[in-house]
Amino acid sequence: MNRHTIFNTPIITPLCQLFSRLLLSLAGWKVEGKRPDIPKYVLIAAPHTSNWDFYYLILMAFYYRMPICWMGKDSLFHGWRGPFMRWLGGIPVNRSSASNLVNDTVAAFRQTDSMTIAIPPEGTRGQVTYWKSGFYHIARGADVPIVLGYLDFGRKCGGLGPVFWPTGDFDTDLKEIKAFYGPIQGKHRQNFSGDAVKSRQDNDKQ
């Protein structure tokens, strides 16, 4: 899936890379971790508690020289915003057809040699008690790893954590992922607690 986005636009892309490094430095943010030497993977974008997360995600992507795709609710792509959002790497999502989204994304992975798609498992900026499992099923179906990306507003740092290969045991894998996000703080701390991350199945049992 070769898309023309801001991450592969001549002249604009290298300028944005320099500008992003400058902005992060001026804002007092540190970047941790290295971009994995893997052509295709699902990037967890967490925590997702404010609109600021999107801007820092884009800045981090430029810092790493990492062309990403990201998913957003389809209302963000209405009218004139549609072409611009797609140029920023956006993919409109109809939340009423989650199963089709997983299948379509898996198919897109299989049709390309290089692809990074950033997915916020919370699915919303508000407080949640479980993560949606789409990111996991996409990685599992496409046979690609999951990279644990993060924004820690408590320490003013963000970056890329471990590369995680899903085993097929969602609940067990999620516990390992949860352990990584436990100490990380979102901008609105009350809306995210890594220790409280559960699967939908766990949430339904309560």
C-alpha atoms as a PDB file:
ATOM      1  CA  MET A   1       0.000   0.000   0.000  1.00  0.00           C
ATOM      2  CA  ASN A   2       2.068   2.904  -1.280  1.00  0.00           C
ATOM      3  CA  ARG A   3       0.393   6.140  -0.220  1.00  0.00           C
ATOM      4  CA  HIS A   4       1.486   9.689  -0.872  1.00  0.00           C
ATOM      5  CA  THR A   5       1.664  11.313   2.557  1.00  0.00           C
ATOM      6  CA  ILE A   6       3.526  14.033   4.395  1.00  0.00           C
ATOM      7  CA  PHE A   7       6.085  11.375   5.356  1.00  0.00           C
ATOM      8  CA  ASN A   8       7.249  10.856   1.770  1.00  0.00           C
ATOM      9  CA  THR A   9       6.786  14.272   0.168  1.00  0.00           C
ATOM     10  CA  PRO A  10       9.987  15.731  -1.360  1.00  0.00           C
ATOM     11  CA  ILE A  11      11.339  18.869   0.349  1.00  0.00           C
ATOM     12  CA  ILE A  12       8.482  18.960   2.872  1.00  0.00           C
ATOM     13  CA  THR A  13       9.429  15.705   4.602  1.00  0.00           C
ATOM     14  CA  PRO A  14      13.057  16.614   5.482  1.00  0.00           C
ATOM     15  CA  LEU A  15      11.956  20.070   6.612  1.00  0.00           C
ATOM     16  CA  CYS A  16       9.339  18.524   8.890  1.00  0.00           C
ATOM     17  CA  GLN A  17      11.953  16.171  10.308  1.00  0.00           C
ATOM     18  CA  LEU A  18      14.188  19.083  11.279  1.00  0.00           C
ATOM     19  CA  PHE A  19      11.244  21.126  12.569  1.00  0.00           C
ATOM     20  CA  SER A  20       9.994  18.225  14.696  1.00  0.00           C
ATOM     21  CA  ARG A  21      13.344  17.779  16.402  1.00  0.00           C
ATOM     22  CA  LEU A  22      13.451  21.498  17.150  1.00  0.00           C
ATOM     23  CA  LEU A  23       9.918  21.571  18.562  1.00  0.00           C
ATOM     24  CA  LEU A  24      10.486  18.558  20.785  1.00  0.00           C
ATOM     25  CA  SER A  25      13.671  20.103  22.113  1.00  0.00           C
ATOM     26  CA  LEU A  26      12.049  23.473  22.793  1.00  0.00           C
ATOM     27  CA  ALA A  27       9.131  21.740  24.547  1.00  0.00           C
ATOM     28  CA  GLY A  28      11.581  19.925  26.804  1.00  0.00           C
ATOM     29  CA  TRP A  29      10.679  16.473  25.553  1.00  0.00           C
ATOM     30  CA  LYS A  30      13.108  13.564  25.356  1.00  0.00           C
ATOM     31  CA  VAL A  31      12.915  10.689  22.907  1.00  0.00           C
ATOM     32  CA  GLU A  32      13.766   7.167  24.019  1.00  0.00           C
ATOM     33  CA  GLY A  33      14.344   3.929  22.147  1.00  0.00           C
ATOM     34  CA  LYS A  34      15.309   3.108  18.586  1.00  0.00           C
ATOM     35  CA  ARG A  35      13.188   2.544  15.525  1.00  0.00           C
ATOM     36  CA  PRO A  36      13.061  -1.224  15.011  1.00  0.00           C
ATOM     37  CA  ASP A  37      14.687  -2.616  11.896  1.00  0.00           C
ATOM     38  CA  ILE A  38      11.435  -4.267  10.818  1.00  0.00           C
ATOM     39  CA  PRO A  39       9.575  -3.397   7.609  1.00  0.00           C
ATOM     40  CA  LYS A  40       6.043  -4.014   8.901  1.00  0.00           C
ATOM     41  CA  TYR A  41       4.483  -3.711  12.334  1.00  0.00           C
ATOM     42  CA  VAL A  42       1.550  -2.428  14.377  1.00  0.00           C
ATOM     43  CA  LEU A  43       2.502   0.529  16.572  1.00  0.00           C
ATOM     44  CA  ILE A  44       0.569   0.935  19.807  1.00  0.00           C
ATOM     45  CA  ALA A  45      -0.109   4.631  20.397  1.00  0.00           C
ATOM     46  CA  ALA A  46      -0.787   4.953  24.117  1.00  0.00           C
ATOM     47  CA  PRO A  47      -1.871   6.503  26.332  1.00  0.00           C
ATOM     48  CA  HIS A  48      -4.522   8.374  24.366  1.00  0.00           C
ATOM     49  CA  THR A  49      -6.107  10.901  26.711  1.00  0.00           C
ATOM     50  CA  SER A  50      -6.036  14.222  24.825  1.00  0.00           C
ATOM     51  CA  ASN A  51      -5.871  15.846  21.403  1.00  0.00           C
ATOM     52  CA  TRP A  52      -2.220  16.654  22.092  1.00  0.00           C
ATOM     53  CA  ASP A  53      -1.374  12.959  21.674  1.00  0.00           C
ATOM     54  CA  PHE A  54      -1.899  13.219  17.922  1.00  0.00           C
ATOM     55  CA  TYR A  55       0.522  16.116  17.512  1.00  0.00           C
ATOM     56  CA  TYR A  56       3.220  14.405  19.551  1.00  0.00           C
ATOM     57  CA  LEU A  57       2.672  11.199  17.584  1.00  0.00           C
ATOM     58  CA  ILE A  58       3.366  13.054  14.341  1.00  0.00           C
ATOM     59  CA  LEU A  59       6.432  14.786  15.827  1.00  0.00           C
ATOM     60  CA  MET A  60       7.793  11.467  17.071  1.00  0.00           C
ATOM     61  CA  ALA A  61       7.195   9.840  13.698  1.00  0.00           C
ATOM     62  CA  PHE A  62       9.247  12.532  11.996  1.00  0.00           C
ATOM     63  CA  TYR A  63      11.944  12.259  14.668  1.00  0.00           C
ATOM     64  CA  TYR A  64      12.320   8.562  13.897  1.00  0.00           C
ATOM     65  CA  ARG A  65      11.942   9.120  10.151  1.00  0.00           C
ATOM     66  CA  MET A  66       9.126   6.624  10.438  1.00  0.00           C
ATOM     67  CA  PRO A  67       6.330   6.915   7.855  1.00  0.00           C
ATOM     68  CA  ILE A  68       3.168   5.927   9.671  1.00  0.00           C
ATOM     69  CA  CYS A  69      -0.480   5.402   8.958  1.00  0.00           C
ATOM     70  CA  TRP A  70      -2.990   6.088  11.701  1.00  0.00           C
ATOM     71  CA  MET A  71      -6.678   5.434  12.182  1.00  0.00           C
ATOM     72  CA  GLY A  72      -9.248   8.084  12.982  1.00  0.00           C
ATOM     73  CA  LYS A  73     -13.027   8.238  13.183  1.00  0.00           C
ATOM     74  CA  ASP A  74     -14.558   8.856   9.778  1.00  0.00           C
ATOM     75  CA  SER A  75     -16.106  12.172  10.853  1.00  0.00           C
ATOM     76  CA  LEU A  76     -12.582  13.661  10.844  1.00  0.00           C
ATOM     77  CA  PHE A  77     -12.399  13.066   7.096  1.00  0.00           C
ATOM     78  CA  HIS A  78     -15.568  14.872   6.021  1.00  0.00           C
ATOM     79  CA  GLY A  79     -15.370  17.651   3.452  1.00  0.00           C
ATOM     80  CA  TRP A  80     -12.125  19.516   2.845  1.00  0.00           C
ATOM     81  CA  ARG A  81     -10.461  17.805   5.782  1.00  0.00           C
ATOM     82  CA  GLY A  82     -10.520  14.429   4.053  1.00  0.00           C
ATOM     83  CA  PRO A  83      -7.629  14.913   1.599  1.00  0.00           C
ATOM     84  CA  PHE A  84      -5.563  16.739   4.237  1.00  0.00           C
ATOM     85  CA  MET A  85      -6.065  14.043   6.887  1.00  0.00           C
ATOM     86  CA  ARG A  86      -5.167  11.333   4.388  1.00  0.00           C
ATOM     87  CA  TRP A  87      -2.027  13.283   3.455  1.00  0.00           C
ATOM     88  CA  LEU A  88      -1.125  13.255   7.158  1.00  0.00           C
ATOM     89  CA  GLY A  89      -1.321   9.465   7.013  1.00  0.00           C
ATOM     90  CA  GLY A  90      -4.889   9.090   8.219  1.00  0.00           C
ATOM     91  CA  ILE A  91      -7.210   6.205   7.439  1.00  0.00           C
ATOM     92  CA  PRO A  92     -10.919   6.809   8.131  1.00  0.00           C
ATOM     93  CA  VAL A  93     -12.556   4.250  10.395  1.00  0.00           C
ATOM     94  CA  ASN A  94     -16.222   3.356  10.580  1.00  0.00           C
ATOM     95  CA  ARG A  95     -16.501   2.164  14.153  1.00  0.00           C
ATOM     96  CA  SER A  96     -19.670   0.214  13.380  1.00  0.00           C
ATOM     97  CA  SER A  97     -17.758  -2.279  11.224  1.00  0.00           C
ATOM     98  CA  ALA A  98     -14.758  -3.276  13.328  1.00  0.00           C
ATOM     99  CA  SER A  99     -14.458  -6.774  11.833  1.00  0.00           C
ATOM    100  CA  ASN A 100     -14.172  -5.366   8.319  1.00  0.00           C
ATOM    101  CA  LEU A 101     -11.509  -2.951   9.552  1.00  0.00           C
ATOM    102  CA  VAL A 102      -9.356  -5.780  10.899  1.00  0.00           C
ATOM    103  CA  ASN A 103      -9.692  -7.817   7.708  1.00  0.00           C
ATOM    104  CA  ASP A 104      -9.001  -4.829   5.460  1.00  0.00           C
ATOM    105  CA  THR A 105      -5.919  -3.837   7.452  1.00  0.00           C
ATOM    106  CA  VAL A 106      -4.566  -7.388   7.426  1.00  0.00           C
ATOM    107  CA  ALA A 107      -5.049  -7.446   3.646  1.00  0.00           C
ATOM    108  CA  ALA A 108      -3.207  -4.120   3.323  1.00  0.00           C
ATOM    109  CA  PHE A 109      -0.254  -5.503   5.276  1.00  0.00           C
ATOM    110  CA  ARG A 110      -0.078  -8.510   2.982  1.00  0.00           C
ATOM    111  CA  GLN A 111      -0.074  -6.334  -0.130  1.00  0.00           C
ATOM    112  CA  THR A 112       2.931  -4.210   0.797  1.00  0.00           C
ATOM    113  CA  ASP A 113       6.580  -4.677   1.707  1.00  0.00           C
ATOM    114  CA  SER A 114       6.667  -1.851   4.242  1.00  0.00           C
ATOM    115  CA  MET A 115       3.961  -0.523   6.542  1.00  0.00           C
ATOM    116  CA  THR A 116       3.633   0.930  10.033  1.00  0.00           C
ATOM    117  CA  ILE A 117       0.164   1.602  11.366  1.00  0.00           C
ATOM    118  CA  ALA A 118      -0.350   3.420  14.666  1.00  0.00           C
ATOM    119  CA  ILE A 119      -3.400   2.344  16.645  1.00  0.00           C
ATOM    120  CA  PRO A 120      -4.623   3.725  20.001  1.00  0.00           C
ATOM    121  CA  PRO A 121      -6.117   0.626  21.683  1.00  0.00           C
ATOM    122  CA  GLU A 122      -8.270   2.754  23.970  1.00  0.00           C
ATOM    123  CA  GLY A 123     -10.236   3.996  20.966  1.00  0.00           C
ATOM    124  CA  THR A 124     -11.162   7.248  22.702  1.00  0.00           C
ATOM    125  CA  ARG A 125      -9.604  10.118  24.682  1.00  0.00           C
ATOM    126  CA  GLY A 126     -12.029   9.541  27.554  1.00  0.00           C
ATOM    127  CA  GLN A 127     -11.591   7.203  30.482  1.00  0.00           C
ATOM    128  CA  VAL A 128     -11.753   3.528  29.568  1.00  0.00           C
ATOM    129  CA  THR A 129     -11.686   0.272  31.514  1.00  0.00           C
ATOM    130  CA  TYR A 130     -10.490  -1.948  28.698  1.00  0.00           C
ATOM    131  CA  TRP A 131      -8.527  -1.838  25.477  1.00  0.00           C
ATOM    132  CA  LYS A 132     -10.089  -2.770  22.177  1.00  0.00           C
ATOM    133  CA  SER A 133      -8.429  -5.849  20.722  1.00  0.00           C
ATOM    134  CA  GLY A 134      -8.328  -4.788  17.052  1.00  0.00           C
ATOM    135  CA  PHE A 135      -4.621  -3.908  17.172  1.00  0.00           C
ATOM    136  CA  TYR A 136      -3.856  -7.414  18.391  1.00  0.00           C
ATOM    137  CA  HIS A 137      -5.979  -9.242  15.815  1.00  0.00           C
ATOM    138  CA  ILE A 138      -4.462  -7.144  13.023  1.00  0.00           C
ATOM    139  CA  ALA A 139      -0.925  -8.036  14.095  1.00  0.00           C
ATOM    140  CA  ARG A 140      -1.822 -11.671  14.564  1.00  0.00           C
ATOM    141  CA  GLY A 141      -3.647 -11.933  11.234  1.00  0.00           C
ATOM    142  CA  ALA A 142      -0.898 -10.172   9.290  1.00  0.00           C
ATOM    143  CA  ASP A 143       1.865 -12.071  11.130  1.00  0.00           C
ATOM    144  CA  VAL A 144       3.623  -8.859  12.140  1.00  0.00           C
ATOM    145  CA  PRO A 145       4.910  -7.738  15.549  1.00  0.00           C
ATOM    146  CA  ILE A 146       3.522  -5.079  17.849  1.00  0.00           C
ATOM    147  CA  VAL A 147       5.814  -2.204  18.833  1.00  0.00           C
ATOM    148  CA  LEU A 148       4.987  -0.553  22.147  1.00  0.00           C
ATOM    149  CA  GLY A 149       4.958   3.171  21.479  1.00  0.00           C
ATOM    150  CA  TYR A 150       4.276   5.613  24.293  1.00  0.00           C
ATOM    151  CA  LEU A 151       3.935   9.215  25.397  1.00  0.00           C
ATOM    152  CA  ASP A 152       4.737   9.774  29.050  1.00  0.00           C
ATOM    153  CA  PHE A 153       3.589  13.249  30.033  1.00  0.00           C
ATOM    154  CA  GLY A 154       4.792  12.674  33.590  1.00  0.00           C
ATOM    155  CA  ARG A 155       8.431  12.476  32.491  1.00  0.00           C
ATOM    156  CA  LYS A 156       7.938  14.477  29.272  1.00  0.00           C
ATOM    157  CA  CYS A 157       9.361  11.743  27.122  1.00  0.00           C
ATOM    158  CA  GLY A 158       8.115   9.429  24.441  1.00  0.00           C
ATOM    159  CA  GLY A 159       9.413   6.808  22.161  1.00  0.00           C
ATOM    160  CA  LEU A 160       9.436   3.192  21.125  1.00  0.00           C
ATOM    161  CA  GLY A 161       9.556   0.346  23.601  1.00  0.00           C
ATOM    162  CA  PRO A 162       9.881  -3.407  23.103  1.00  0.00           C
ATOM    163  CA  VAL A 163       8.927  -5.335  19.990  1.00  0.00           C
ATOM    164  CA  PHE A 164       6.231  -7.821  20.984  1.00  0.00           C
ATOM    165  CA  TRP A 165       5.231 -10.841  18.912  1.00  0.00           C
ATOM    166  CA  PRO A 166       1.649 -11.938  19.685  1.00  0.00           C
ATOM    167  CA  THR A 167       1.338 -15.596  20.628  1.00  0.00           C
ATOM    168  CA  GLY A 168      -2.381 -15.985  20.021  1.00  0.00           C
ATOM    169  CA  ASP A 169      -3.208 -15.967  23.748  1.00  0.00           C
ATOM    170  CA  PHE A 170      -4.673 -12.476  23.942  1.00  0.00           C
ATOM    171  CA  ASP A 171      -5.278 -12.277  27.691  1.00  0.00           C
ATOM    172  CA  THR A 172      -1.787 -13.504  28.593  1.00  0.00           C
ATOM    173  CA  ASP A 173      -0.126 -11.248  26.018  1.00  0.00           C
ATOM    174  CA  LEU A 174      -2.120  -8.256  27.203  1.00  0.00           C
ATOM    175  CA  LYS A 175      -0.855  -8.772  30.745  1.00  0.00           C
ATOM    176  CA  GLU A 176       2.718  -8.495  29.479  1.00  0.00           C
ATOM    177  CA  ILE A 177       1.888  -5.387  27.486  1.00  0.00           C
ATOM    178  CA  LYS A 178       0.083  -3.941  30.508  1.00  0.00           C
ATOM    179  CA  ALA A 179       3.188  -4.342  32.644  1.00  0.00           C
ATOM    180  CA  PHE A 180       5.100  -2.057  30.282  1.00  0.00           C
ATOM    181  CA  TYR A 181       2.455   0.686  30.349  1.00  0.00           C
ATOM    182  CA  GLY A 182       1.882   0.500  34.114  1.00  0.00           C
ATOM    183  CA  PRO A 183       4.095   3.469  35.126  1.00  0.00           C
ATOM    184  CA  ILE A 184       3.344   5.635  32.077  1.00  0.00           C
ATOM    185  CA  GLN A 185       1.201   8.750  32.546  1.00  0.00           C
ATOM    186  CA  GLY A 186      -1.123  10.285  29.970  1.00  0.00           C
ATOM    187  CA  LYS A 187      -1.725  14.028  29.779  1.00  0.00           C
ATOM    188  CA  HIS A 188      -5.032  13.561  31.610  1.00  0.00           C
ATOM    189  CA  ARG A 189      -3.895  11.042  34.184  1.00  0.00           C
ATOM    190  CA  GLN A 190      -7.384  10.212  35.392  1.00  0.00           C
ATOM    191  CA  ASN A 191      -8.218   8.764  31.972  1.00  0.00           C
ATOM    192  CA  PHE A 192      -5.401   6.253  31.819  1.00  0.00           C
ATOM    193  CA  SER A 193      -3.914   3.727  34.170  1.00  0.00           C
ATOM    194  CA  GLY A 194      -1.762   1.012  32.701  1.00  0.00           C
ATOM    195  CA  ASP A 195      -2.498  -1.130  35.757  1.00  0.00           C
ATOM    196  CA  ALA A 196      -6.204  -1.008  34.903  1.00  0.00           C
ATOM    197  CA  VAL A 197      -5.847  -2.117  31.291  1.00  0.00           C
ATOM    198  CA  LYS A 198      -8.043  -5.126  30.617  1.00  0.00           C
ATOM    199  CA  SER A 199      -9.482  -6.921  27.666  1.00  0.00           C
ATOM    200  CA  ARG A 200     -13.149  -6.462  26.823  1.00  0.00           C
ATOM    201  CA  GLN A 201     -13.732 -10.019  28.054  1.00  0.00           C
ATOM    202  CA  ASP A 202     -12.285  -9.207  31.471  1.00  0.00           C
ATOM    203  CA  ASN A 203     -14.389  -6.062  31.670  1.00  0.00           C
ATOM    204  CA  ASP A 204     -17.576  -7.964  30.866  1.00  0.00           C
ATOM    205  CA  LYS A 205     -16.891 -10.426  33.726  1.00  0.00           C
ATOM    206  CA  GLN A 206     -16.992  -7.667  36.328  1.00  0.00           C
END
